[in-house]
Amino acid sequence: MSSAFDYRAPAELFPSRGRKTNRQMAYRRFPTAAEAIRFAIEELPDSALLGAYLQVEDARFDCVAIRRLYGSEKFPLKRKVAA
């Protein structure tokens, strides 16, 4: 497995199972993992992120890993400014 995460790879975001979902928390595909990660962290409520996972190629990332990827200095997108 490569040690470098490809933020440009297509990604799928799966909501946690067993929770009520709405349009915002439903399964979504993204053209890049970076966009999926930003959406998960900046748009999903914490309760929806808990138990969700990100699929990038053959790898799965849980909410802890998604937060770590978002916080990485290698994250290529502009982050939302904290209020």
PDB file of N, CA and C in Angstrom:
ATOM      1  N   MET A   1       0.842  -1.189   0.000  1.00  0.00           N
ATOM      2  CA  MET A   1       0.000   0.000   0.000  1.00  0.00           C
ATOM      3  C   MET A   1       0.880   1.242   0.000  1.00  0.00           C
ATOM      4  N   SER A   2       0.520   2.195  -0.826  1.00  0.00           N
ATOM      5  CA  SER A   2       1.298   3.428  -0.927  1.00  0.00           C
ATOM      6  C   SER A   2       1.078   4.291   0.311  1.00  0.00           C
ATOM      7  N   SER A   3       2.122   4.957   0.743  1.00  0.00           N
ATOM      8  CA  SER A   3       2.003   5.803   1.926  1.00  0.00           C
ATOM      9  C   SER A   3       1.390   7.162   1.594  1.00  0.00           C
ATOM     10  N   ALA A   4       1.360   7.515   0.299  1.00  0.00           N
ATOM     11  CA  ALA A   4       0.815   8.809  -0.105  1.00  0.00           C
ATOM     12  C   ALA A   4      -0.664   8.661  -0.449  1.00  0.00           C
ATOM     13  N   PHE A   5      -1.498   9.456   0.205  1.00  0.00           N
ATOM     14  CA  PHE A   5      -2.932   9.448  -0.065  1.00  0.00           C
ATOM     15  C   PHE A   5      -3.189  10.312  -1.289  1.00  0.00           C
ATOM     16  N   ASP A   6      -4.004   9.829  -2.217  1.00  0.00           N
ATOM     17  CA  ASP A   6      -4.311  10.568  -3.440  1.00  0.00           C
ATOM     18  C   ASP A   6      -5.617  11.340  -3.259  1.00  0.00           C
ATOM     19  N   TYR A   7      -5.487  12.612  -2.941  1.00  0.00           N
ATOM     20  CA  TYR A   7      -6.664  13.466  -2.749  1.00  0.00           C
ATOM     21  C   TYR A   7      -7.412  13.705  -4.059  1.00  0.00           C
ATOM     22  N   ARG A   8      -6.786  13.380  -5.199  1.00  0.00           N
ATOM     23  CA  ARG A   8      -7.423  13.607  -6.506  1.00  0.00           C
ATOM     24  C   ARG A   8      -8.239  12.410  -6.985  1.00  0.00           C
ATOM     25  N   ALA A   9      -8.134  11.277  -6.307  1.00  0.00           N
ATOM     26  CA  ALA A   9      -8.860  10.070  -6.721  1.00  0.00           C
ATOM     27  C   ALA A   9     -10.364  10.239  -6.471  1.00  0.00           C
ATOM     28  N   PRO A  10     -11.203   9.635  -7.311  1.00  0.00           N
ATOM     29  CA  PRO A  10     -12.649   9.657  -7.056  1.00  0.00           C
ATOM     30  C   PRO A  10     -12.954   8.984  -5.724  1.00  0.00           C
ATOM     31  N   ALA A  11     -14.047   9.400  -5.086  1.00  0.00           N
ATOM     32  CA  ALA A  11     -14.376   8.867  -3.762  1.00  0.00           C
ATOM     33  C   ALA A  11     -15.880   8.733  -3.590  1.00  0.00           C
ATOM     34  N   GLU A  12     -16.246   7.844  -2.660  1.00  0.00           N
ATOM     35  CA  GLU A  12     -17.639   7.651  -2.286  1.00  0.00           C
ATOM     36  C   GLU A  12     -17.745   7.836  -0.788  1.00  0.00           C
ATOM     37  N   LEU A  13     -18.780   8.539  -0.366  1.00  0.00           N
ATOM     38  CA  LEU A  13     -19.022   8.767   1.054  1.00  0.00           C
ATOM     39  C   LEU A  13     -20.306   8.042   1.441  1.00  0.00           C
ATOM     40  N   PHE A  14     -20.183   7.134   2.405  1.00  0.00           N
ATOM     41  CA  PHE A  14     -21.316   6.330   2.868  1.00  0.00           C
ATOM     42  C   PHE A  14     -21.733   6.796   4.251  1.00  0.00           C
ATOM     43  N   PRO A  15     -23.008   7.116   4.432  1.00  0.00           N
ATOM     44  CA  PRO A  15     -23.482   7.524   5.754  1.00  0.00           C
ATOM     45  C   PRO A  15     -23.481   6.344   6.707  1.00  0.00           C
ATOM     46  N   SER A  16     -23.565   6.628   7.975  1.00  0.00           N
ATOM     47  CA  SER A  16     -23.642   5.553   8.963  1.00  0.00           C
ATOM     48  C   SER A  16     -24.962   4.811   8.783  1.00  0.00           C
ATOM     49  N   ARG A  17     -24.944   3.531   9.036  1.00  0.00           N
ATOM     50  CA  ARG A  17     -26.162   2.722   8.920  1.00  0.00           C
ATOM     51  C   ARG A  17     -26.995   2.851  10.183  1.00  0.00           C
ATOM     52  N   GLY A  18     -28.292   2.680  10.020  1.00  0.00           N
ATOM     53  CA  GLY A  18     -29.174   2.658  11.170  1.00  0.00           C
ATOM     54  C   GLY A  18     -29.610   4.029  11.648  1.00  0.00           C
ATOM     55  N   ARG A  19     -29.119   5.064  11.016  1.00  0.00           N
ATOM     56  CA  ARG A  19     -29.531   6.418  11.389  1.00  0.00           C
ATOM     57  C   ARG A  19     -30.484   6.941  10.321  1.00  0.00           C
ATOM     58  N   LYS A  20     -31.402   7.780  10.728  1.00  0.00           N
ATOM     59  CA  LYS A  20     -32.280   8.410   9.754  1.00  0.00           C
ATOM     60  C   LYS A  20     -31.411   9.266   8.850  1.00  0.00           C
ATOM     61  N   THR A  21     -31.647   9.157   7.557  1.00  0.00           N
ATOM     62  CA  THR A  21     -30.860   9.954   6.617  1.00  0.00           C
ATOM     63  C   THR A  21     -31.773  10.918   5.885  1.00  0.00           C
ATOM     64  N   ASN A  22     -31.216  12.012   5.515  1.00  0.00           N
ATOM     65  CA  ASN A  22     -31.914  12.938   4.641  1.00  0.00           C
ATOM     66  C   ASN A  22     -31.020  13.147   3.425  1.00  0.00           C
ATOM     67  N   ARG A  23     -31.407  14.008   2.550  1.00  0.00           N
ATOM     68  CA  ARG A  23     -30.652  14.224   1.323  1.00  0.00           C
ATOM     69  C   ARG A  23     -29.199  14.588   1.611  1.00  0.00           C
ATOM     70  N   GLN A  24     -28.968  15.377   2.641  1.00  0.00           N
ATOM     71  CA  GLN A  24     -27.622  15.818   2.974  1.00  0.00           C
ATOM     72  C   GLN A  24     -26.747  14.661   3.468  1.00  0.00           C
ATOM     73  N   MET A  25     -27.349  13.649   4.068  1.00  0.00           N
ATOM     74  CA  MET A  25     -26.576  12.574   4.677  1.00  0.00           C
ATOM     75  C   MET A  25     -26.616  11.284   3.870  1.00  0.00           C
ATOM     76  N   ALA A  26     -27.164  11.301   2.664  1.00  0.00           N
ATOM     77  CA  ALA A  26     -27.265  10.109   1.844  1.00  0.00           C
ATOM     78  C   ALA A  26     -25.921   9.803   1.171  1.00  0.00           C
ATOM     79  N   TYR A  27     -25.799   8.582   0.662  1.00  0.00           N
ATOM     80  CA  TYR A  27     -24.621   8.173  -0.101  1.00  0.00           C
ATOM     81  C   TYR A  27     -24.348   9.190  -1.206  1.00  0.00           C
ATOM     82  N   ARG A  28     -23.079   9.524  -1.376  1.00  0.00           N
ATOM     83  CA  ARG A  28     -22.705  10.462  -2.441  1.00  0.00           C
ATOM     84  C   ARG A  28     -21.389  10.061  -3.061  1.00  0.00           C
ATOM     85  N   ARG A  29     -21.266  10.335  -4.350  1.00  0.00           N
ATOM     86  CA  ARG A  29     -20.010  10.163  -5.073  1.00  0.00           C
ATOM     87  C   ARG A  29     -19.416  11.540  -5.314  1.00  0.00           C
ATOM     88  N   PHE A  30     -18.104  11.601  -5.282  1.00  0.00           N
ATOM     89  CA  PHE A  30     -17.393  12.859  -5.491  1.00  0.00           C
ATOM     90  C   PHE A  30     -16.299  12.649  -6.528  1.00  0.00           C
ATOM     91  N   PRO A  31     -16.033  13.671  -7.347  1.00  0.00           N
ATOM     92  CA  PRO A  31     -14.967  13.539  -8.344  1.00  0.00           C
ATOM     93  C   PRO A  31     -13.578  13.407  -7.721  1.00  0.00           C
ATOM     94  N   THR A  32     -13.417  13.961  -6.509  1.00  0.00           N
ATOM     95  CA  THR A  32     -12.131  13.836  -5.822  1.00  0.00           C
ATOM     96  C   THR A  32     -12.351  13.523  -4.341  1.00  0.00           C
ATOM     97  N   ALA A  33     -11.386  12.824  -3.772  1.00  0.00           N
ATOM     98  CA  ALA A  33     -11.439  12.518  -2.342  1.00  0.00           C
ATOM     99  C   ALA A  33     -11.403  13.804  -1.520  1.00  0.00           C
ATOM    100  N   ALA A  34     -10.657  14.791  -1.978  1.00  0.00           N
ATOM    101  CA  ALA A  34     -10.570  16.061  -1.245  1.00  0.00           C
ATOM    102  C   ALA A  34     -11.950  16.693  -1.094  1.00  0.00           C
ATOM    103  N   GLU A  35     -12.756  16.671  -2.158  1.00  0.00           N
ATOM    104  CA  GLU A  35     -14.105  17.242  -2.082  1.00  0.00           C
ATOM    105  C   GLU A  35     -14.988  16.443  -1.125  1.00  0.00           C
ATOM    106  N   ALA A  36     -14.848  15.126  -1.146  1.00  0.00           N
ATOM    107  CA  ALA A  36     -15.629  14.276  -0.244  1.00  0.00           C
ATOM    108  C   ALA A  36     -15.253  14.536   1.209  1.00  0.00           C
ATOM    109  N   ILE A  37     -13.966  14.671   1.463  1.00  0.00           N
ATOM    110  CA  ILE A  37     -13.477  14.922   2.826  1.00  0.00           C
ATOM    111  C   ILE A  37     -13.967  16.277   3.313  1.00  0.00           C
ATOM    112  N   ARG A  38     -13.855  17.286   2.468  1.00  0.00           N
ATOM    113  CA  ARG A  38     -14.319  18.622   2.872  1.00  0.00           C
ATOM    114  C   ARG A  38     -15.816  18.610   3.157  1.00  0.00           C
ATOM    115  N   PHE A  39     -16.600  17.939   2.311  1.00  0.00           N
ATOM    116  CA  PHE A  39     -18.037  17.844   2.543  1.00  0.00           C
ATOM    117  C   PHE A  39     -18.326  17.150   3.874  1.00  0.00           C
ATOM    118  N   ALA A  40     -17.664  16.033   4.115  1.00  0.00           N
ATOM    119  CA  ALA A  40     -17.896  15.268   5.345  1.00  0.00           C
ATOM    120  C   ALA A  40     -17.614  16.099   6.589  1.00  0.00           C
ATOM    121  N   ILE A  41     -16.533  16.839   6.584  1.00  0.00           N
ATOM    122  CA  ILE A  41     -16.137  17.609   7.763  1.00  0.00           C
ATOM    123  C   ILE A  41     -16.918  18.913   7.889  1.00  0.00           C
ATOM    124  N   GLU A  42     -17.115  19.603   6.793  1.00  0.00           N
ATOM    125  CA  GLU A  42     -17.710  20.943   6.851  1.00  0.00           C
ATOM    126  C   GLU A  42     -19.230  20.967   6.722  1.00  0.00           C
ATOM    127  N   GLU A  43     -19.823  19.943   6.119  1.00  0.00           N
ATOM    128  CA  GLU A  43     -21.263  19.984   5.869  1.00  0.00           C
ATOM    129  C   GLU A  43     -22.075  18.982   6.692  1.00  0.00           C
ATOM    130  N   LEU A  44     -21.515  17.829   6.977  1.00  0.00           N
ATOM    131  CA  LEU A  44     -22.280  16.839   7.739  1.00  0.00           C
ATOM    132  C   LEU A  44     -22.289  17.177   9.223  1.00  0.00           C
ATOM    133  N   PRO A  45     -23.411  16.959   9.886  1.00  0.00           N
ATOM    134  CA  PRO A  45     -23.422  17.094  11.341  1.00  0.00           C
ATOM    135  C   PRO A  45     -22.528  16.011  11.942  1.00  0.00           C
ATOM    136  N   ASP A  46     -21.957  16.277  13.104  1.00  0.00           N
ATOM    137  CA  ASP A  46     -21.092  15.297  13.762  1.00  0.00           C
ATOM    138  C   ASP A  46     -21.784  13.952  13.921  1.00  0.00           C
ATOM    139  N   SER A  47     -23.074  13.975  14.212  1.00  0.00           N
ATOM    140  CA  SER A  47     -23.805  12.721  14.411  1.00  0.00           C
ATOM    141  C   SER A  47     -23.870  11.899  13.125  1.00  0.00           C
ATOM    142  N   ALA A  48     -23.879  12.553  11.974  1.00  0.00           N
ATOM    143  CA  ALA A  48     -23.904  11.845  10.694  1.00  0.00           C
ATOM    144  C   ALA A  48     -22.512  11.346  10.308  1.00  0.00           C
ATOM    145  N   LEU A  49     -21.485  12.070  10.715  1.00  0.00           N
ATOM    146  CA  LEU A  49     -20.118  11.665  10.400  1.00  0.00           C
ATOM    147  C   LEU A  49     -19.713  10.439  11.215  1.00  0.00           C
ATOM    148  N   LEU A  50     -20.205  10.371  12.436  1.00  0.00           N
ATOM    149  CA  LEU A  50     -19.900   9.224  13.294  1.00  0.00           C
ATOM    150  C   LEU A  50     -20.497   7.962  12.669  1.00  0.00           C
ATOM    151  N   GLY A  51     -19.669   7.008  12.344  1.00  0.00           N
ATOM    152  CA  GLY A  51     -20.132   5.774  11.719  1.00  0.00           C
ATOM    153  C   GLY A  51     -20.104   5.788  10.209  1.00  0.00           C
ATOM    154  N   ALA A  52     -19.881   6.951   9.617  1.00  0.00           N
ATOM    155  CA  ALA A  52     -19.777   7.041   8.163  1.00  0.00           C
ATOM    156  C   ALA A  52     -18.375   6.602   7.733  1.00  0.00           C
ATOM    157  N   TYR A  53     -18.247   6.276   6.458  1.00  0.00           N
ATOM    158  CA  TYR A  53     -16.911   5.985   5.951  1.00  0.00           C
ATOM    159  C   TYR A  53     -16.747   6.473   4.527  1.00  0.00           C
ATOM    160  N   LEU A  54     -15.497   6.685   4.173  1.00  0.00           N
ATOM    161  CA  LEU A  54     -15.085   7.162   2.866  1.00  0.00           C
ATOM    162  C   LEU A  54     -14.400   6.010   2.144  1.00  0.00           C
ATOM    163  N   GLN A  55     -14.797   5.761   0.901  1.00  0.00           N
ATOM    164  CA  GLN A  55     -14.170   4.718   0.083  1.00  0.00           C
ATOM    165  C   GLN A  55     -13.388   5.413  -1.021  1.00  0.00           C
ATOM    166  N   VAL A  56     -12.079   5.183  -1.052  1.00  0.00           N
ATOM    167  CA  VAL A  56     -11.204   5.732  -2.088  1.00  0.00           C
ATOM    168  C   VAL A  56     -10.419   4.563  -2.656  1.00  0.00           C
ATOM    169  N   GLU A  57     -10.694   4.262  -3.918  1.00  0.00           N
ATOM    170  CA  GLU A  57     -10.126   3.081  -4.555  1.00  0.00           C
ATOM    171  C   GLU A  57     -10.440   1.861  -3.695  1.00  0.00           C
ATOM    172  N   ASP A  58      -9.453   1.109  -3.239  1.00  0.00           N
ATOM    173  CA  ASP A  58      -9.716  -0.094  -2.438  1.00  0.00           C
ATOM    174  C   ASP A  58      -9.623   0.143  -0.939  1.00  0.00           C
ATOM    175  N   ALA A  59      -9.486   1.382  -0.525  1.00  0.00           N
ATOM    176  CA  ALA A  59      -9.294   1.690   0.895  1.00  0.00           C
ATOM    177  C   ALA A  59     -10.537   2.360   1.484  1.00  0.00           C
ATOM    178  N   ARG A  60     -10.813   2.016   2.744  1.00  0.00           N
ATOM    179  CA  ARG A  60     -11.909   2.633   3.495  1.00  0.00           C
ATOM    180  C   ARG A  60     -11.333   3.442   4.639  1.00  0.00           C
ATOM    181  N   PHE A  61     -11.969   4.579   4.911  1.00  0.00           N
ATOM    182  CA  PHE A  61     -11.521   5.477   5.970  1.00  0.00           C
ATOM    183  C   PHE A  61     -12.700   5.815   6.859  1.00  0.00           C
ATOM    184  N   ASP A  62     -12.555   5.592   8.166  1.00  0.00           N
ATOM    185  CA  ASP A  62     -13.620   5.904   9.113  1.00  0.00           C
ATOM    186  C   ASP A  62     -13.564   7.387   9.472  1.00  0.00           C
ATOM    187  N   CYS A  63     -14.455   7.817  10.378  1.00  0.00           N
ATOM    188  CA  CYS A  63     -14.549   9.244  10.699  1.00  0.00           C
ATOM    189  C   CYS A  63     -13.251   9.792  11.296  1.00  0.00           C
ATOM    190  N   VAL A  64     -12.529   8.985  12.047  1.00  0.00           N
ATOM    191  CA  VAL A  64     -11.257   9.438  12.618  1.00  0.00           C
ATOM    192  C   VAL A  64     -10.244   9.684  11.502  1.00  0.00           C
ATOM    193  N   ALA A  65     -10.178   8.768  10.557  1.00  0.00           N
ATOM    194  CA  ALA A  65      -9.247   8.915   9.432  1.00  0.00           C
ATOM    195  C   ALA A  65      -9.650  10.082   8.530  1.00  0.00           C
ATOM    196  N   ILE A  66     -10.953  10.281   8.341  1.00  0.00           N
ATOM    197  CA  ILE A  66     -11.422  11.406   7.523  1.00  0.00           C
ATOM    198  C   ILE A  66     -10.983  12.722   8.162  1.00  0.00           C
ATOM    199  N   ARG A  67     -11.136  12.845   9.471  1.00  0.00           N
ATOM    200  CA  ARG A  67     -10.699  14.063  10.170  1.00  0.00           C
ATOM    201  C   ARG A  67      -9.187  14.259  10.044  1.00  0.00           C
ATOM    202  N   ARG A  68      -8.437  13.172  10.115  1.00  0.00           N
ATOM    203  CA  ARG A  68      -6.975  13.258  10.001  1.00  0.00           C
ATOM    204  C   ARG A  68      -6.576  13.717   8.595  1.00  0.00           C
ATOM    205  N   LEU A  69      -7.241  13.191   7.566  1.00  0.00           N
ATOM    206  CA  LEU A  69      -6.947  13.603   6.193  1.00  0.00           C
ATOM    207  C   LEU A  69      -7.283  15.080   5.980  1.00  0.00           C
ATOM    208  N   TYR A  70      -8.380  15.530   6.558  1.00  0.00           N
ATOM    209  CA  TYR A  70      -8.777  16.937   6.450  1.00  0.00           C
ATOM    210  C   TYR A  70      -7.763  17.839   7.148  1.00  0.00           C
ATOM    211  N   GLY A  71      -7.245  17.400   8.279  1.00  0.00           N
ATOM    212  CA  GLY A  71      -6.300  18.197   9.050  1.00  0.00           C
ATOM    213  C   GLY A  71      -4.871  18.146   8.543  1.00  0.00           C
ATOM    214  N   SER A  72      -4.604  17.280   7.590  1.00  0.00           N
ATOM    215  CA  SER A  72      -3.249  17.131   7.062  1.00  0.00           C
ATOM    216  C   SER A  72      -2.789  18.399   6.352  1.00  0.00           C
ATOM    217  N   GLU A  73      -1.502  18.687   6.471  1.00  0.00           N
ATOM    218  CA  GLU A  73      -0.939  19.837   5.743  1.00  0.00           C
ATOM    219  C   GLU A  73      -0.980  19.601   4.234  1.00  0.00           C
ATOM    220  N   LYS A  74      -1.198  18.362   3.803  1.00  0.00           N
ATOM    221  CA  LYS A  74      -1.272  18.028   2.379  1.00  0.00           C
ATOM    222  C   LYS A  74      -2.680  18.187   1.809  1.00  0.00           C
ATOM    223  N   PHE A  75      -3.666  18.479   2.667  1.00  0.00           N
ATOM    224  CA  PHE A  75      -5.040  18.664   2.183  1.00  0.00           C
ATOM    225  C   PHE A  75      -5.038  19.819   1.184  1.00  0.00           C
ATOM    226  N   PRO A  76      -5.471  19.575  -0.072  1.00  0.00           N
ATOM    227  CA  PRO A  76      -5.276  20.566  -1.140  1.00  0.00           C
ATOM    228  C   PRO A  76      -6.320  21.681  -1.245  1.00  0.00           C
ATOM    229  N   LEU A  77      -7.431  21.583  -0.563  1.00  0.00           N
ATOM    230  CA  LEU A  77      -8.497  22.583  -0.705  1.00  0.00           C
ATOM    231  C   LEU A  77      -8.479  23.579   0.446  1.00  0.00           C
ATOM    232  N   LYS A  78      -9.072  24.730   0.189  1.00  0.00           N
ATOM    233  CA  LYS A  78      -9.205  25.740   1.231  1.00  0.00           C
ATOM    234  C   LYS A  78     -10.209  25.240   2.258  1.00  0.00           C
ATOM    235  N   ARG A  79      -9.858  25.364   3.523  1.00  0.00           N
ATOM    236  CA  ARG A  79     -10.738  24.933   4.608  1.00  0.00           C
ATOM    237  C   ARG A  79     -11.666  26.074   5.010  1.00  0.00           C
ATOM    238  N   LYS A  80     -12.820  25.697   5.524  1.00  0.00           N
ATOM    239  CA  LYS A  80     -13.764  26.691   6.043  1.00  0.00           C
ATOM    240  C   LYS A  80     -13.145  27.343   7.287  1.00  0.00           C
ATOM    241  N   VAL A  81     -13.269  28.639   7.371  1.00  0.00           N
ATOM    242  CA  VAL A  81     -12.745  29.357   8.534  1.00  0.00           C
ATOM    243  C   VAL A  81     -13.650  29.097   9.720  1.00  0.00           C
ATOM    244  N   ALA A  82     -13.071  28.715  10.842  1.00  0.00           N
ATOM    245  CA  ALA A  82     -13.865  28.460  12.056  1.00  0.00           C
ATOM    246  C   ALA A  82     -14.523  29.744  12.530  1.00  0.00           C
ATOM    247  N   ALA A  83     -15.785  29.611  12.953  1.00  0.00           N
ATOM    248  CA  ALA A  83     -16.529  30.800  13.412  1.00  0.00           C
ATOM    249  C   ALA A  83     -16.140  31.177  14.813  1.00  0.00           C
TER     250      ALA A  83
END
